[in-house]
Amino acid sequence: MSEQESHSSFIKTPQQLIVVVLLAFLVPIIGIVLLINLVLNKPSADPGALAPEAVAARLQPVGRVEFGAAGGAAAGPRSGEEIVKSVCAACHQTGVANAPKIGDKAAWAPRIKSGMNALVADAIKGIRAMPPRGGAADLSDDEMARAVVYMANRSGGNLKEPAAPKAPAAKGK
């Protein structure tokens, strides 16, 4: 072997040489043009950005807090199914914190055996990890009873739903 090894280039053909020479001129020229545009052009704001409508749109609150009854809530007492779906199902559908699952006859049998009054009393005052009224303080005792009956009957019970409260009679002249 000789003391000097042959030097090889990545340019092998005349076409590659032409491309490299052109790029050697074009890349710096394009870079210079872009740099000049960056320096000479002044940033400008949207002329409509300060219009009162645009300012008001940017200043809209992210959310709102409303107190009172929900807008879509129906007037009057709710059914046991409605209450279970909106309040109780969060724990009793999945068994969170050892809550008896709806439909689990083995878990509900001893509770149903204790009677409806005991079940409703536990639901109203809360038991173990369950908060009073299942965390929905706006539920009446009758609504709690309907929810308990709904869950117990879906889990092997045969409890009778309490009668709906009677509306006050209209006063005549």
C-alpha atoms as a PDB file:
ATOM      1  CA  MET A   1       0.000   0.000   0.000  1.00  0.00           C
ATOM      2  CA  SER A   2       1.046   3.545  -0.615  1.00  0.00           C
ATOM      3  CA  GLU A   3       1.449   6.177   2.031  1.00  0.00           C
ATOM      4  CA  GLN A   4      -1.427   8.200   0.643  1.00  0.00           C
ATOM      5  CA  GLU A   5      -4.783   6.623   0.229  1.00  0.00           C
ATOM      6  CA  SER A   6      -6.885   7.694  -2.677  1.00  0.00           C
ATOM      7  CA  HIS A   7      -9.379  10.400  -1.879  1.00  0.00           C
ATOM      8  CA  SER A   8     -12.933   9.726  -2.964  1.00  0.00           C
ATOM      9  CA  SER A   9     -15.610  12.361  -3.515  1.00  0.00           C
ATOM     10  CA  PHE A  10     -19.391  12.111  -3.250  1.00  0.00           C
ATOM     11  CA  ILE A  11     -19.585  13.854  -6.650  1.00  0.00           C
ATOM     12  CA  LYS A  12     -19.286  11.109  -9.195  1.00  0.00           C
ATOM     13  CA  THR A  13     -20.928  12.497 -12.337  1.00  0.00           C
ATOM     14  CA  PRO A  14     -20.940  15.845 -14.182  1.00  0.00           C
ATOM     15  CA  GLN A  15     -24.671  16.243 -13.412  1.00  0.00           C
ATOM     16  CA  GLN A  16     -23.961  16.012  -9.671  1.00  0.00           C
ATOM     17  CA  LEU A  17     -21.228  18.628 -10.043  1.00  0.00           C
ATOM     18  CA  ILE A  18     -23.634  21.036 -11.774  1.00  0.00           C
ATOM     19  CA  VAL A  19     -26.256  20.556  -9.034  1.00  0.00           C
ATOM     20  CA  VAL A  20     -23.715  21.169  -6.254  1.00  0.00           C
ATOM     21  CA  VAL A  21     -22.385  24.328  -7.946  1.00  0.00           C
ATOM     22  CA  LEU A  22     -25.918  25.696  -8.463  1.00  0.00           C
ATOM     23  CA  LEU A  23     -26.895  24.966  -4.861  1.00  0.00           C
ATOM     24  CA  ALA A  24     -23.687  26.591  -3.629  1.00  0.00           C
ATOM     25  CA  PHE A  25     -24.860  29.841  -5.256  1.00  0.00           C
ATOM     26  CA  LEU A  26     -28.638  29.590  -4.703  1.00  0.00           C
ATOM     27  CA  VAL A  27     -28.747  28.655  -0.991  1.00  0.00           C
ATOM     28  CA  PRO A  28     -26.783  31.710   0.222  1.00  0.00           C
ATOM     29  CA  ILE A  29     -28.705  34.021  -2.133  1.00  0.00           C
ATOM     30  CA  ILE A  30     -32.081  32.732  -0.865  1.00  0.00           C
ATOM     31  CA  GLY A  31     -30.837  33.079   2.733  1.00  0.00           C
ATOM     32  CA  ILE A  32     -29.780  36.685   2.112  1.00  0.00           C
ATOM     33  CA  VAL A  33     -33.128  37.563   0.472  1.00  0.00           C
ATOM     34  CA  LEU A  34     -35.071  36.079   3.407  1.00  0.00           C
ATOM     35  CA  LEU A  35     -32.885  37.919   5.915  1.00  0.00           C
ATOM     36  CA  ILE A  36     -33.413  41.241   4.091  1.00  0.00           C
ATOM     37  CA  ASN A  37     -37.195  40.683   4.082  1.00  0.00           C
ATOM     38  CA  LEU A  38     -37.103  39.970   7.801  1.00  0.00           C
ATOM     39  CA  VAL A  39     -35.171  43.160   8.555  1.00  0.00           C
ATOM     40  CA  LEU A  40     -37.017  45.529   6.220  1.00  0.00           C
ATOM     41  CA  ASN A  41     -40.629  44.398   6.728  1.00  0.00           C
ATOM     42  CA  LYS A  42     -42.327  45.875   9.750  1.00  0.00           C
ATOM     43  CA  PRO A  43     -44.841  43.666  11.532  1.00  0.00           C
ATOM     44  CA  SER A  44     -48.343  45.037  11.303  1.00  0.00           C
ATOM     45  CA  ALA A  45     -51.359  44.281  13.441  1.00  0.00           C
ATOM     46  CA  ASP A  46     -54.744  43.364  12.104  1.00  0.00           C
ATOM     47  CA  PRO A  47     -56.584  46.665  11.594  1.00  0.00           C
ATOM     48  CA  GLY A  48     -59.780  45.153  12.994  1.00  0.00           C
ATOM     49  CA  ALA A  49     -58.075  43.874  16.164  1.00  0.00           C
ATOM     50  CA  LEU A  50     -58.972  46.986  18.139  1.00  0.00           C
ATOM     51  CA  ALA A  51     -62.588  47.120  17.016  1.00  0.00           C
ATOM     52  CA  PRO A  52     -64.956  46.959  20.012  1.00  0.00           C
ATOM     53  CA  GLU A  53     -66.498  43.691  18.796  1.00  0.00           C
ATOM     54  CA  ALA A  54     -63.092  42.009  18.467  1.00  0.00           C
ATOM     55  CA  VAL A  55     -61.985  43.198  21.910  1.00  0.00           C
ATOM     56  CA  ALA A  56     -65.249  41.989  23.474  1.00  0.00           C
ATOM     57  CA  ALA A  57     -64.840  38.589  21.805  1.00  0.00           C
ATOM     58  CA  ARG A  58     -61.322  38.194  23.266  1.00  0.00           C
ATOM     59  CA  LEU A  59     -62.493  39.185  26.739  1.00  0.00           C
ATOM     60  CA  GLN A  60     -65.280  36.589  27.006  1.00  0.00           C
ATOM     61  CA  PRO A  61     -65.228  34.636  30.271  1.00  0.00           C
ATOM     62  CA  VAL A  62     -64.037  31.051  30.158  1.00  0.00           C
ATOM     63  CA  GLY A  63     -66.962  29.724  32.193  1.00  0.00           C
ATOM     64  CA  ARG A  64     -69.916  30.750  34.311  1.00  0.00           C
ATOM     65  CA  VAL A  65     -71.133  29.813  37.747  1.00  0.00           C
ATOM     66  CA  GLU A  66     -74.874  29.627  38.151  1.00  0.00           C
ATOM     67  CA  PHE A  67     -76.700  29.052  41.392  1.00  0.00           C
ATOM     68  CA  GLY A  68     -80.109  27.461  41.603  1.00  0.00           C
ATOM     69  CA  ALA A  69     -81.893  24.638  39.893  1.00  0.00           C
ATOM     70  CA  ALA A  70     -80.519  23.274  36.660  1.00  0.00           C
ATOM     71  CA  GLY A  71     -82.167  24.758  33.581  1.00  0.00           C
ATOM     72  CA  GLY A  72     -83.220  21.399  32.157  1.00  0.00           C
ATOM     73  CA  ALA A  73     -84.599  19.935  35.392  1.00  0.00           C
ATOM     74  CA  ALA A  74     -88.266  19.128  35.266  1.00  0.00           C
ATOM     75  CA  ALA A  75     -90.509  20.575  37.920  1.00  0.00           C
ATOM     76  CA  GLY A  76     -91.868  18.162  40.478  1.00  0.00           C
ATOM     77  CA  PRO A  77     -90.570  14.931  41.954  1.00  0.00           C
ATOM     78  CA  ARG A  78     -88.225  12.784  39.880  1.00  0.00           C
ATOM     79  CA  SER A  79     -88.651   9.084  39.275  1.00  0.00           C
ATOM     80  CA  GLY A  80     -86.414   6.516  40.920  1.00  0.00           C
ATOM     81  CA  GLU A  81     -84.818   5.702  37.575  1.00  0.00           C
ATOM     82  CA  GLU A  82     -83.969   9.373  36.899  1.00  0.00           C
ATOM     83  CA  ILE A  83     -82.375   9.751  40.327  1.00  0.00           C
ATOM     84  CA  VAL A  84     -80.389   6.536  40.014  1.00  0.00           C
ATOM     85  CA  LYS A  85     -79.080   7.526  36.569  1.00  0.00           C
ATOM     86  CA  SER A  86     -78.106  11.048  37.654  1.00  0.00           C
ATOM     87  CA  VAL A  87     -76.853  10.430  41.217  1.00  0.00           C
ATOM     88  CA  CYS A  88     -76.568   6.800  42.331  1.00  0.00           C
ATOM     89  CA  ALA A  89     -75.165   5.121  39.216  1.00  0.00           C
ATOM     90  CA  ALA A  90     -71.758   6.771  39.661  1.00  0.00           C
ATOM     91  CA  CYS A  91     -71.024   4.327  42.501  1.00  0.00           C
ATOM     92  CA  HIS A  92     -73.704   1.635  42.339  1.00  0.00           C
ATOM     93  CA  GLN A  93     -73.141   0.884  38.634  1.00  0.00           C
ATOM     94  CA  THR A  94     -69.450   0.106  39.096  1.00  0.00           C
ATOM     95  CA  GLY A  95     -69.198  -0.854  42.768  1.00  0.00           C
ATOM     96  CA  VAL A  96     -66.997   2.076  43.812  1.00  0.00           C
ATOM     97  CA  ALA A  97     -65.980   1.951  47.518  1.00  0.00           C
ATOM     98  CA  ASN A  98     -67.719  -1.437  47.906  1.00  0.00           C
ATOM     99  CA  ALA A  99     -71.130  -0.027  46.984  1.00  0.00           C
ATOM    100  CA  PRO A 100     -73.453  -2.902  46.050  1.00  0.00           C
ATOM    101  CA  LYS A 101     -73.763  -3.010  42.273  1.00  0.00           C
ATOM    102  CA  ILE A 102     -77.201  -2.665  40.762  1.00  0.00           C
ATOM    103  CA  GLY A 103     -78.251  -6.156  39.691  1.00  0.00           C
ATOM    104  CA  ASP A 104     -75.960  -8.008  42.145  1.00  0.00           C
ATOM    105  CA  LYS A 105     -78.572 -10.126  43.940  1.00  0.00           C
ATOM    106  CA  ALA A 106     -76.080 -11.588  46.429  1.00  0.00           C
ATOM    107  CA  ALA A 107     -74.889  -8.157  47.575  1.00  0.00           C
ATOM    108  CA  TRP A 108     -78.400  -6.708  47.805  1.00  0.00           C
ATOM    109  CA  ALA A 109     -80.157  -9.714  49.454  1.00  0.00           C
ATOM    110  CA  PRO A 110     -79.171  -8.902  53.074  1.00  0.00           C
ATOM    111  CA  ARG A 111     -79.937  -5.225  52.535  1.00  0.00           C
ATOM    112  CA  ILE A 112     -83.360  -5.966  51.048  1.00  0.00           C
ATOM    113  CA  LYS A 113     -84.023  -8.380  53.912  1.00  0.00           C
ATOM    114  CA  SER A 114     -83.464  -5.543  56.417  1.00  0.00           C
ATOM    115  CA  GLY A 115     -86.489  -3.806  54.908  1.00  0.00           C
ATOM    116  CA  MET A 116     -87.273  -0.730  52.921  1.00  0.00           C
ATOM    117  CA  ASN A 117     -87.328   1.619  55.929  1.00  0.00           C
ATOM    118  CA  ALA A 118     -83.787   0.609  56.935  1.00  0.00           C
ATOM    119  CA  LEU A 119     -82.526   0.962  53.342  1.00  0.00           C
ATOM    120  CA  VAL A 120     -84.082   4.404  52.946  1.00  0.00           C
ATOM    121  CA  ALA A 121     -82.805   5.548  56.363  1.00  0.00           C
ATOM    122  CA  ASP A 122     -79.256   4.486  55.453  1.00  0.00           C
ATOM    123  CA  ALA A 123     -79.540   6.247  52.080  1.00  0.00           C
ATOM    124  CA  ILE A 124     -80.793   9.451  53.712  1.00  0.00           C
ATOM    125  CA  LYS A 125     -78.189   9.638  56.498  1.00  0.00           C
ATOM    126  CA  GLY A 126     -75.371   8.016  54.526  1.00  0.00           C
ATOM    127  CA  ILE A 127     -73.529   4.790  55.269  1.00  0.00           C
ATOM    128  CA  ARG A 128     -69.807   3.930  55.134  1.00  0.00           C
ATOM    129  CA  ALA A 129     -68.320   5.797  52.133  1.00  0.00           C
ATOM    130  CA  MET A 130     -71.742   6.950  50.865  1.00  0.00           C
ATOM    131  CA  PRO A 131     -72.512  10.568  51.787  1.00  0.00           C
ATOM    132  CA  PRO A 132     -75.986  11.558  53.027  1.00  0.00           C
ATOM    133  CA  ARG A 133     -78.538  11.431  50.217  1.00  0.00           C
ATOM    134  CA  GLY A 134     -75.847  10.049  47.930  1.00  0.00           C
ATOM    135  CA  GLY A 135     -74.273  13.501  47.791  1.00  0.00           C
ATOM    136  CA  ALA A 136     -77.374  15.156  46.278  1.00  0.00           C
ATOM    137  CA  ALA A 137     -78.697  17.296  49.126  1.00  0.00           C
ATOM    138  CA  ASP A 138     -81.659  18.466  47.014  1.00  0.00           C
ATOM    139  CA  LEU A 139     -83.298  14.997  47.026  1.00  0.00           C
ATOM    140  CA  SER A 140     -86.459  14.688  49.127  1.00  0.00           C
ATOM    141  CA  ASP A 141     -87.142  11.662  51.342  1.00  0.00           C
ATOM    142  CA  ASP A 142     -89.715  10.428  48.814  1.00  0.00           C
ATOM    143  CA  GLU A 143     -87.225  10.725  45.958  1.00  0.00           C
ATOM    144  CA  MET A 144     -84.622   8.827  48.005  1.00  0.00           C
ATOM    145  CA  ALA A 145     -87.192   6.094  48.655  1.00  0.00           C
ATOM    146  CA  ARG A 146     -88.013   5.838  44.934  1.00  0.00           C
ATOM    147  CA  ALA A 147     -84.297   5.548  44.073  1.00  0.00           C
ATOM    148  CA  VAL A 148     -83.775   2.840  46.715  1.00  0.00           C
ATOM    149  CA  VAL A 149     -86.792   0.889  45.466  1.00  0.00           C
ATOM    150  CA  TYR A 150     -85.597   1.168  41.867  1.00  0.00           C
ATOM    151  CA  MET A 151     -82.111  -0.181  42.700  1.00  0.00           C
ATOM    152  CA  ALA A 152     -83.392  -2.903  45.058  1.00  0.00           C
ATOM    153  CA  ASN A 153     -85.996  -4.136  42.566  1.00  0.00           C
ATOM    154  CA  ARG A 154     -83.341  -4.321  39.825  1.00  0.00           C
ATOM    155  CA  SER A 155     -81.290  -6.431  42.221  1.00  0.00           C
ATOM    156  CA  GLY A 156     -83.799  -9.120  43.146  1.00  0.00           C
ATOM    157  CA  GLY A 157     -86.083  -7.202  45.493  1.00  0.00           C
ATOM    158  CA  ASN A 158     -89.819  -6.767  45.292  1.00  0.00           C
ATOM    159  CA  LEU A 159     -90.338  -3.470  47.098  1.00  0.00           C
ATOM    160  CA  LYS A 160     -93.326  -1.228  46.523  1.00  0.00           C
ATOM    161  CA  GLU A 161     -92.575   2.296  45.353  1.00  0.00           C
ATOM    162  CA  PRO A 162     -93.979   4.987  47.642  1.00  0.00           C
ATOM    163  CA  ALA A 163     -96.942   6.945  46.355  1.00  0.00           C
ATOM    164  CA  ALA A 164     -96.197  10.290  44.786  1.00  0.00           C
ATOM    165  CA  PRO A 165     -97.128  13.230  47.000  1.00  0.00           C
ATOM    166  CA  LYS A 166    -100.474  14.713  46.120  1.00  0.00           C
ATOM    167  CA  ALA A 167    -100.547  18.180  44.643  1.00  0.00           C
ATOM    168  CA  PRO A 168    -102.418  20.765  46.730  1.00  0.00           C
ATOM    169  CA  ALA A 169    -106.039  21.107  45.622  1.00  0.00           C
ATOM    170  CA  ALA A 170    -107.027  24.311  43.859  1.00  0.00           C
ATOM    171  CA  LYS A 171    -109.033  26.620  46.083  1.00  0.00           C
ATOM    172  CA  GLY A 172    -112.448  27.497  44.762  1.00  0.00           C
ATOM    173  CA  LYS A 173    -114.555  30.594  45.424  1.00  0.00           C
END
